[in-house]
Amino acid sequence: MAPTLPSDAQLNYPRHIKYWRRNLKTLLPHFYTSNDSNRMLLALFTVSALDILGDLDSALSVEERQGHIDWVYACQLPHGGFRPWPGSNFGLRTNDENKRWDPPHIPGTFFALLTLVVLGDDLEKVKRREILEWLVRVQRPEGSFGETVGHDGFVHGGNDSRFGFMATAIRYILRGDLTGPYEGVPDIDVDNFVTCVREAECYDGGLSEAPYHEAHGGFTCCAIAALYFLDRLPLSPLQKPDGVIRGITNLPHTLRWLVSRQTATLDTDDGLDTLNDETDTSETCHDAHSFVKLGAFISTQAETSMKGTPHPHFELQWVGVNGRCNKVADTCYAYWVSAPLKLLGYMDIIEQAPIRKWLLDKTQHIVGGFGKVTGDPPDMYHSFLGLMVLAMFGEPGLQSVDEALCITNRAKEHLESLPWRKKILGDVEQNGGSIRLVGDKAQIDT
């Protein structure tokens, strides 16, 4: 007997709102204790998710909103930058000896700034100049960014594109797309960073954490978003070469790798049943293929199997997304793969309907939120990114979002309207050009 197909998938708005309001108003489950040092991240997920759902204004009173803003500023360090949680604040006991244990933090600063933006703050209390000066020190000579800077100037943390993404986003928030020094504050070395991104490109088109490592959806997304913040994405065929170093040296390969992350392997049992072939189904086995417009690129085996069948096989109504080859579909990778495709302008090369159906039928949870994989309970990370994907797909009732900053377009417009930021960009707009570095001076190109 043929399986009974579920009815049209629906986003359960009341449950999602209840889930995120619970995270906002009450203590989190004990499983989050180990994430206490990532509290600023969890704050952003919560307020941005409610903003995407259109519920932030209703969920927060004026006093509560200001209380959250004050909490974020309490994590700002006197010399600039933010800590990712209040636990490292020594308060009145801070001295030269223990301040090394309470340094400004790239992820903490990134999430703090975005949380303030979503809450509608004007960022006037942010130590913007100090952060931009510190940002230069967090960049290594070869171009990568770390997480913190030690008291001896040593840059701690990994050198993969996650920190580069957050560092370039901080730069974008605080000075837009200006290039070169501004009012005596030096800029990061953009060319060296872009070179790092290029060196992390893999033979198959994806990007890894370092040269010769395996391509990964998260690193690929972070690298492409960073290039977007820096205006270093590949030029379109209609644009003339400008002599600027740009990332993504083989765009067709990168697009192919991203779109090939679509998979019908939705849980562990799928992998066992299909000998771990990520795209095997009973319709398409024994043929290598991807799900790029399946109707146009149908395999020989599928064509034979589907003769006389008016509709695609039921298994292809749900298409998941993974982050590496031969892995099970995972909610978060629907974002890590869809976001770079949208930033590159090629969102149309994936089939959004079966991905949406997979999210809503397989990983959306009855209590609200999304789980990591089929059958998992919801968690804040996957619940937020699941909402981001649906908003990017244009889900009715969700607010439109900026896929790079992970905030609503309403929040981004608020950022762009701030007087101090418009002043920084005023010279460029007034002169109809862009600022670039010539020697040690800023020059406006018209």
Protein backbone atom coordinates (compact mmCIF):
# COMPACT_ATOMS: atom_id res chain seq x y z
CA MET A 1 0.00 0.00 0.00
CA ALA A 2 1.31 3.45 -0.86
CA PRO A 3 2.18 5.61 2.13
CA THR A 4 -0.29 8.26 3.24
CA LEU A 5 1.14 11.68 2.53
CA PRO A 6 0.76 14.42 5.13
CA SER A 7 -1.38 17.45 4.45
CA ASP A 8 0.17 20.72 3.35
CA ALA A 9 2.94 21.70 5.75
CA GLN A 10 2.19 24.68 7.97
CA LEU A 11 4.31 26.82 10.27
CA ASN A 12 2.77 26.69 13.74
CA TYR A 13 3.08 30.39 14.60
CA PRO A 14 1.48 30.25 18.09
CA ARG A 15 3.79 27.44 19.17
CA HIS A 16 6.92 29.16 17.85
CA ILE A 17 5.98 32.41 19.55
CA LYS A 18 5.32 30.55 22.79
CA TYR A 19 8.65 28.74 22.48
CA TRP A 20 10.64 31.94 22.04
CA ARG A 21 8.70 33.89 24.67
CA ARG A 22 9.46 31.09 27.11
CA ASN A 23 13.17 31.47 26.32
CA LEU A 24 12.88 35.23 26.80
CA LYS A 25 10.91 35.26 30.05
CA THR A 26 11.98 32.16 31.98
CA LEU A 27 15.10 30.23 32.92
CA LEU A 28 16.46 28.01 30.16
CA PRO A 29 16.54 24.22 30.67
CA HIS A 30 19.56 22.88 32.54
CA PHE A 31 21.03 21.58 29.29
CA TYR A 32 22.04 25.17 28.51
CA THR A 33 24.24 25.48 31.60
CA SER A 34 27.32 24.60 29.57
CA ASN A 35 26.41 27.45 27.19
CA ASP A 36 26.37 30.11 29.89
CA SER A 37 29.50 31.70 28.43
CA ASN A 38 27.58 32.08 25.14
CA ARG A 39 24.76 34.04 26.73
CA MET A 40 25.07 36.96 24.30
CA LEU A 41 24.55 34.55 21.42
CA LEU A 42 21.40 33.16 23.04
CA ALA A 43 20.15 36.71 23.62
CA LEU A 44 20.47 37.53 19.94
CA PHE A 45 18.73 34.33 18.87
CA THR A 46 15.81 35.11 21.18
CA VAL A 47 15.15 38.73 20.28
CA SER A 48 15.84 38.26 16.57
CA ALA A 49 13.56 35.19 16.38
CA LEU A 50 10.72 37.13 17.99
CA ASP A 51 11.39 39.99 15.58
CA ILE A 52 11.19 37.60 12.61
CA LEU A 53 7.88 36.30 13.99
CA GLY A 54 6.64 39.89 14.30
CA ASP A 55 6.15 39.50 18.06
CA LEU A 56 9.05 41.42 19.59
CA ASP A 57 7.09 44.61 20.33
CA SER A 58 4.29 42.63 21.95
CA ALA A 59 6.66 40.40 23.93
CA LEU A 60 8.60 43.26 25.53
CA SER A 61 7.37 46.24 27.51
CA VAL A 62 9.32 49.50 27.22
CA GLU A 63 10.90 48.84 30.59
CA GLU A 64 11.86 45.27 29.71
CA ARG A 65 13.38 46.36 26.41
CA GLN A 66 15.50 48.99 28.15
CA GLY A 67 16.51 46.44 30.78
CA HIS A 68 17.84 44.12 28.08
CA ILE A 69 19.70 47.02 26.43
CA ASP A 70 21.26 47.95 29.77
CA TRP A 71 22.31 44.32 30.30
CA VAL A 72 24.13 44.28 26.95
CA TYR A 73 25.94 47.52 27.77
CA ALA A 74 26.95 46.09 31.14
CA CYS A 75 29.02 43.60 29.12
CA GLN A 76 30.93 46.37 27.33
CA LEU A 77 34.53 46.73 28.48
CA PRO A 78 35.97 50.14 29.47
CA HIS A 79 38.58 49.96 26.69
CA GLY A 80 36.09 48.82 24.03
CA GLY A 81 34.56 45.59 22.84
CA PHE A 82 32.12 43.29 24.62
CA ARG A 83 32.45 40.17 26.70
CA PRO A 84 30.16 37.29 25.63
CA TRP A 85 28.66 36.92 29.12
CA PRO A 86 28.76 38.77 32.45
CA GLY A 87 30.56 35.96 34.27
CA SER A 88 34.05 37.27 33.51
CA ASN A 89 33.31 40.75 34.89
CA PHE A 90 35.39 41.26 38.04
CA GLY A 91 33.67 44.58 38.77
CA LEU A 92 35.44 46.69 41.39
CA ARG A 93 38.05 43.96 41.82
CA THR A 94 39.32 44.41 38.25
CA ASN A 95 43.05 45.12 38.13
CA ASP A 96 45.95 44.88 35.72
CA GLU A 97 46.63 41.32 36.81
CA ASN A 98 43.18 39.81 36.25
CA LYS A 99 41.97 41.86 33.28
CA ARG A 100 43.66 39.34 30.97
CA TRP A 101 40.84 36.97 31.91
CA ASP A 102 38.20 39.46 30.77
CA PRO A 103 39.20 40.50 27.25
CA PRO A 104 37.00 41.88 24.48
CA HIS A 105 35.70 39.05 22.37
CA ILE A 106 34.95 38.94 18.63
CA PRO A 107 31.77 36.78 18.86
CA GLY A 108 30.65 38.59 22.02
CA THR A 109 31.02 41.97 20.31
CA PHE A 110 29.27 40.80 17.15
CA PHE A 111 26.26 39.36 19.00
CA ALA A 112 26.08 42.33 21.39
CA LEU A 113 25.95 44.88 18.56
CA LEU A 114 23.28 42.95 16.70
CA THR A 115 21.20 42.49 19.86
CA LEU A 116 21.30 46.25 20.44
CA VAL A 117 20.28 46.88 16.84
CA VAL A 118 17.32 44.48 17.03
CA LEU A 119 16.19 46.09 20.30
CA GLY A 120 16.20 49.50 18.59
CA ASP A 121 19.16 51.06 20.40
CA ASP A 122 21.03 53.91 18.71
CA LEU A 123 24.49 52.48 19.58
CA GLU A 124 25.54 55.91 20.89
CA LYS A 125 27.01 54.32 24.03
CA VAL A 126 29.08 51.84 22.01
CA LYS A 127 32.81 52.60 22.13
CA ARG A 128 32.96 52.54 18.36
CA ARG A 129 36.41 54.00 17.87
CA GLU A 130 37.99 51.67 20.44
CA ILE A 131 36.33 48.63 18.84
CA LEU A 132 37.58 49.52 15.36
CA GLU A 133 41.12 50.05 16.67
CA TRP A 134 40.96 46.73 18.52
CA LEU A 135 39.64 44.98 15.41
CA VAL A 136 42.91 45.70 13.61
CA ARG A 137 44.84 44.03 16.43
CA VAL A 138 42.71 40.88 16.25
CA GLN A 139 43.79 40.35 12.64
CA ARG A 140 46.90 38.25 12.09
CA PRO A 141 49.61 39.28 9.61
CA GLU A 142 48.49 36.70 7.03
CA GLY A 143 44.95 38.12 7.12
CA SER A 144 42.92 35.78 9.34
CA PHE A 145 41.09 36.88 12.48
CA GLY A 146 41.17 35.33 15.92
CA GLU A 147 38.84 35.51 18.89
CA THR A 148 40.68 37.65 21.44
CA VAL A 149 44.04 39.41 21.89
CA GLY A 150 46.23 38.44 24.83
CA HIS A 151 48.02 40.91 27.08
CA ASP A 152 51.20 40.22 25.11
CA GLY A 153 49.53 40.95 21.77
CA PHE A 154 49.16 37.30 20.79
CA VAL A 155 45.93 36.59 18.87
CA HIS A 156 44.07 33.64 20.39
CA GLY A 157 41.42 31.48 18.73
CA GLY A 158 41.04 29.68 15.42
CA ASN A 159 41.79 31.20 12.06
CA ASP A 160 38.77 29.91 10.14
CA SER A 161 36.15 32.03 8.39
CA ARG A 162 33.76 32.19 11.38
CA PHE A 163 35.87 34.83 13.11
CA GLY A 164 36.51 36.58 9.79
CA PHE A 165 32.77 36.72 9.20
CA MET A 166 32.08 38.25 12.62
CA ALA A 167 35.00 40.68 12.39
CA THR A 168 33.94 41.98 8.99
CA ALA A 169 30.34 42.22 10.21
CA ILE A 170 31.46 44.33 13.19
CA ARG A 171 33.33 46.56 10.73
CA TYR A 172 30.22 46.78 8.53
CA ILE A 173 27.98 47.70 11.46
CA LEU A 174 30.32 50.42 12.75
CA ARG A 175 31.64 51.96 9.51
CA GLY A 176 29.68 50.54 6.60
CA ASP A 177 31.66 49.69 3.49
CA LEU A 178 34.30 52.41 3.88
CA THR A 179 37.76 51.27 2.84
CA GLY A 180 40.90 52.73 4.38
CA PRO A 181 41.49 54.78 7.55
CA TYR A 182 38.80 57.11 8.82
CA GLU A 183 39.45 59.96 11.27
CA GLY A 184 42.77 58.43 12.27
CA VAL A 185 41.37 54.94 12.82
CA PRO A 186 43.12 52.38 10.58
CA ASP A 187 41.22 49.81 8.60
CA ILE A 188 41.72 46.06 8.59
CA ASP A 189 43.83 44.52 5.82
CA VAL A 190 41.02 43.58 3.45
CA ASP A 191 43.23 42.16 0.70
CA ASN A 192 45.02 39.80 3.07
CA PHE A 193 41.73 38.54 4.46
CA VAL A 194 40.33 37.91 0.98
CA THR A 195 43.53 36.03 0.15
CA CYS A 196 42.89 33.78 3.18
CA VAL A 197 39.40 33.04 1.87
CA ARG A 198 40.77 32.17 -1.56
CA GLU A 199 43.37 29.83 -0.07
CA ALA A 200 40.63 27.94 1.81
CA GLU A 201 38.73 27.13 -1.39
CA CYS A 202 38.60 23.39 -2.07
CA TYR A 203 38.92 21.49 -5.32
CA ASP A 204 35.17 20.81 -5.32
CA GLY A 205 34.12 24.44 -4.90
CA GLY A 206 33.29 24.50 -1.20
CA LEU A 207 35.34 26.35 1.40
CA SER A 208 37.07 24.85 4.41
CA GLU A 209 38.53 26.10 7.66
CA ALA A 210 42.06 26.06 6.23
CA PRO A 211 43.87 25.09 3.01
CA TYR A 212 43.58 21.39 2.08
CA HIS A 213 40.83 20.69 4.62
CA GLU A 214 37.37 19.34 3.82
CA ALA A 215 34.76 21.73 2.45
CA HIS A 216 32.09 22.64 5.00
CA GLY A 217 28.76 24.43 4.67
CA GLY A 218 29.27 26.65 7.71
CA PHE A 219 32.73 27.83 6.69
CA THR A 220 31.51 28.40 3.14
CA CYS A 221 28.62 30.55 4.32
CA CYS A 222 30.77 32.60 6.71
CA ALA A 223 33.40 33.25 4.05
CA ILE A 224 30.87 34.35 1.44
CA ALA A 225 29.03 36.58 3.92
CA ALA A 226 32.35 38.19 4.90
CA LEU A 227 33.11 38.87 1.23
CA TYR A 228 29.65 40.44 0.98
CA PHE A 229 30.37 42.81 3.90
CA LEU A 230 33.65 43.80 2.22
CA ASP A 231 32.15 44.15 -1.27
CA ARG A 232 34.53 41.45 -2.51
CA LEU A 233 32.08 38.94 -3.98
CA PRO A 234 32.71 37.87 -7.59
CA LEU A 235 31.66 40.35 -10.24
CA SER A 236 28.71 39.52 -12.44
CA PRO A 237 29.36 38.80 -16.14
CA LEU A 238 28.03 42.28 -16.95
CA GLN A 239 30.52 44.06 -14.68
CA LYS A 240 33.94 45.14 -15.86
CA PRO A 241 37.03 43.88 -13.98
CA ASP A 242 38.13 46.45 -11.42
CA GLY A 243 41.53 45.10 -10.42
CA VAL A 244 40.34 44.33 -6.87
CA ILE A 245 41.17 40.99 -5.25
CA ARG A 246 37.92 39.07 -4.92
CA GLY A 247 36.98 35.78 -3.31
CA ILE A 248 35.42 32.68 -4.91
CA THR A 249 37.75 32.02 -7.80
CA ASN A 250 35.52 29.40 -9.46
CA LEU A 251 31.91 30.43 -8.98
CA PRO A 252 30.34 27.53 -10.97
CA HIS A 253 32.17 25.00 -8.80
CA THR A 254 31.04 26.75 -5.61
CA LEU A 255 27.44 26.89 -6.78
CA ARG A 256 27.52 23.23 -7.74
CA TRP A 257 28.94 22.26 -4.34
CA LEU A 258 26.31 24.29 -2.49
CA VAL A 259 23.38 22.93 -4.46
CA SER A 260 24.68 19.38 -4.08
CA ARG A 261 24.16 19.65 -0.33
CA GLN A 262 20.51 18.82 -0.93
CA THR A 263 19.86 15.26 0.14
CA ALA A 264 17.09 12.70 0.63
CA THR A 265 18.98 11.15 3.57
CA LEU A 266 16.89 12.67 6.34
CA ASP A 267 17.80 10.47 9.30
CA THR A 268 20.17 7.72 10.36
CA ASP A 269 17.89 4.95 9.09
CA ASP A 270 18.04 6.45 5.60
CA GLY A 271 21.81 6.18 5.64
CA LEU A 272 21.69 2.54 6.71
CA ASP A 273 19.06 1.63 4.13
CA THR A 274 20.95 3.24 1.25
CA LEU A 275 24.52 2.23 2.11
CA ASN A 276 25.26 5.83 3.15
CA ASP A 277 24.71 7.27 -0.33
CA GLU A 278 23.44 10.73 0.53
CA THR A 279 21.16 11.03 -2.52
CA ASP A 280 19.89 7.46 -2.87
CA THR A 281 16.19 6.79 -2.89
CA SER A 282 14.30 3.83 -4.28
CA GLU A 283 13.66 5.96 -7.36
CA THR A 284 17.16 7.22 -8.03
CA CYS A 285 19.62 4.61 -6.76
CA HIS A 286 22.70 3.63 -8.76
CA ASP A 287 22.92 7.01 -10.47
CA ALA A 288 25.06 9.94 -9.37
CA HIS A 289 23.02 13.12 -9.42
CA SER A 290 22.06 16.16 -7.43
CA PHE A 291 18.66 17.64 -6.82
CA VAL A 292 19.25 20.64 -9.05
CA LYS A 293 15.90 20.99 -10.81
CA LEU A 294 15.26 17.26 -10.67
CA GLY A 295 12.73 17.38 -13.47
CA ALA A 296 15.36 18.74 -15.86
CA PHE A 297 18.21 16.47 -14.74
CA ILE A 298 16.39 13.21 -14.12
CA SER A 299 18.53 10.07 -13.97
CA THR A 300 18.10 7.14 -16.35
CA GLN A 301 17.05 4.85 -13.51
CA ALA A 302 14.51 7.38 -12.27
CA GLU A 303 13.08 7.89 -15.75
CA THR A 304 12.57 4.13 -16.10
CA SER A 305 11.06 3.80 -12.63
CA MET A 306 8.70 6.73 -13.04
CA LYS A 307 7.13 5.77 -16.39
CA GLY A 308 3.41 6.13 -16.06
CA THR A 309 3.75 7.87 -12.69
CA PRO A 310 2.07 11.28 -12.75
CA HIS A 311 3.90 12.69 -9.70
CA PRO A 312 7.42 12.51 -8.25
CA HIS A 313 8.06 9.71 -5.81
CA PHE A 314 6.85 10.52 -2.31
CA GLU A 315 10.40 10.48 -0.89
CA LEU A 316 11.36 13.54 -2.96
CA GLN A 317 8.62 15.64 -1.41
CA TRP A 318 11.09 16.10 1.46
CA VAL A 319 14.60 17.25 0.57
CA GLY A 320 16.99 18.05 3.39
CA VAL A 321 20.30 19.89 3.41
CA ASN A 322 23.61 18.70 4.83
CA GLY A 323 26.89 20.50 5.45
CA ARG A 324 29.36 17.95 4.07
CA CYS A 325 29.30 15.09 1.62
CA ASN A 326 27.56 11.89 2.77
CA LYS A 327 25.99 13.41 5.88
CA VAL A 328 22.42 13.30 7.17
CA ALA A 329 20.24 16.38 6.62
CA ASP A 330 20.47 18.94 9.42
CA THR A 331 18.21 21.97 9.99
CA CYS A 332 21.04 24.47 10.46
CA TYR A 333 22.62 23.61 7.11
CA ALA A 334 19.47 24.69 5.31
CA TYR A 335 20.60 28.16 6.41
CA TRP A 336 24.34 27.71 5.91
CA VAL A 337 23.70 26.62 2.31
CA SER A 338 20.76 28.85 1.36
CA ALA A 339 22.29 32.09 2.70
CA PRO A 340 25.41 32.05 0.48
CA LEU A 341 23.29 31.13 -2.54
CA LYS A 342 21.12 34.16 -1.89
CA LEU A 343 24.12 36.43 -1.31
CA LEU A 344 25.60 35.25 -4.61
CA GLY A 345 22.30 35.85 -6.39
CA TYR A 346 21.53 32.20 -7.23
CA MET A 347 18.78 31.27 -4.79
CA ASP A 348 16.69 30.01 -7.69
CA ILE A 349 18.91 26.99 -8.40
CA ILE A 350 17.60 25.06 -5.38
CA GLU A 351 14.09 23.66 -5.01
CA GLN A 352 12.73 25.57 -2.02
CA ALA A 353 9.37 23.78 -1.71
CA PRO A 354 10.73 20.33 -0.68
CA ILE A 355 13.22 21.96 1.70
CA ARG A 356 10.41 23.95 3.30
CA LYS A 357 8.31 20.78 3.56
CA TRP A 358 11.21 18.91 5.18
CA LEU A 359 11.65 21.64 7.79
CA LEU A 360 7.96 21.87 8.63
CA ASP A 361 7.14 18.15 8.49
CA LYS A 362 10.34 16.60 9.80
CA THR A 363 12.21 18.97 12.16
CA GLN A 364 9.51 21.44 13.32
CA HIS A 365 8.54 20.35 16.83
CA ILE A 366 5.07 20.14 18.30
CA VAL A 367 6.04 22.45 21.20
CA GLY A 368 7.51 25.03 18.83
CA GLY A 369 11.00 25.53 17.49
CA PHE A 370 13.04 23.18 15.32
CA GLY A 371 15.25 20.23 16.16
CA LYS A 372 18.59 19.39 14.59
CA VAL A 373 17.36 16.31 12.73
CA THR A 374 14.14 14.35 12.36
CA GLY A 375 12.68 13.52 15.77
CA ASP A 376 15.02 15.72 17.82
CA PRO A 377 13.67 18.12 20.47
CA PRO A 378 13.97 21.82 19.65
CA ASP A 379 17.00 23.86 20.60
CA MET A 380 17.61 27.60 20.22
CA TYR A 381 20.34 27.31 17.59
CA HIS A 382 18.38 25.16 15.14
CA SER A 383 15.08 26.87 15.99
CA PHE A 384 16.49 30.26 15.05
CA LEU A 385 18.18 29.15 11.84
CA GLY A 386 15.09 27.20 10.81
CA LEU A 387 13.06 30.42 11.07
CA MET A 388 15.74 32.29 9.12
CA VAL A 389 15.48 29.84 6.22
CA LEU A 390 11.69 30.05 6.05
CA ALA A 391 11.87 33.86 6.16
CA MET A 392 14.44 33.82 3.35
CA PHE A 393 12.06 31.62 1.35
CA GLY A 394 9.32 34.24 1.84
CA GLU A 395 7.14 32.33 4.30
CA PRO A 396 3.85 34.27 4.70
CA GLY A 397 3.59 35.95 8.09
CA LEU A 398 7.33 36.11 8.74
CA GLN A 399 9.24 39.36 8.47
CA SER A 400 11.76 39.70 5.66
CA VAL A 401 15.34 39.17 6.79
CA ASP A 402 18.90 40.09 5.94
CA GLU A 403 20.55 36.73 5.38
CA ALA A 404 24.07 37.99 6.18
CA LEU A 405 23.39 39.70 9.52
CA CYS A 406 20.64 37.27 10.62
CA ILE A 407 18.28 40.10 11.57
CA THR A 408 15.11 41.44 10.01
CA ASN A 409 15.33 44.02 7.26
CA ARG A 410 13.44 46.31 9.63
CA ALA A 411 16.32 46.06 12.11
CA LYS A 412 18.89 46.56 9.36
CA GLU A 413 17.07 49.68 8.16
CA HIS A 414 17.18 50.98 11.73
CA LEU A 415 20.96 50.47 11.76
CA GLU A 416 21.36 52.28 8.44
CA SER A 417 19.25 55.20 9.67
CA LEU A 418 21.43 56.02 12.68
CA PRO A 419 22.78 59.60 12.37
CA TRP A 420 26.37 58.79 13.38
CA ARG A 421 26.58 56.02 10.80
CA LYS A 422 25.08 58.19 8.07
CA LYS A 423 27.66 60.83 8.95
CA ILE A 424 30.52 58.37 8.46
CA LEU A 425 29.20 57.46 5.04
CA GLY A 426 28.17 61.02 4.20
CA ASP A 427 31.36 62.00 2.41
CA VAL A 428 31.10 59.03 0.09
CA GLU A 429 27.44 59.66 -0.69
CA GLN A 430 28.01 63.38 -1.16
CA ASN A 431 30.88 62.85 -3.57
CA GLY A 432 29.25 59.93 -5.36
CA GLY A 433 32.25 57.68 -4.94
CA SER A 434 34.05 55.40 -2.52
CA ILE A 435 36.94 55.90 -0.13
CA ARG A 436 40.08 53.90 -0.75
CA LEU A 437 43.53 53.91 0.83
CA VAL A 438 46.36 55.66 -1.03
CA GLY A 439 49.57 55.45 0.95
CA ASP A 440 48.48 56.44 4.44
CA LYS A 441 45.64 58.73 3.35
CA ALA A 442 42.04 58.20 2.39
CA GLN A 443 41.11 59.23 -1.13
CA ILE A 444 37.63 59.50 -2.62
CA ASP A 445 37.14 57.83 -6.01
CA THR A 446 34.40 59.42 -8.11
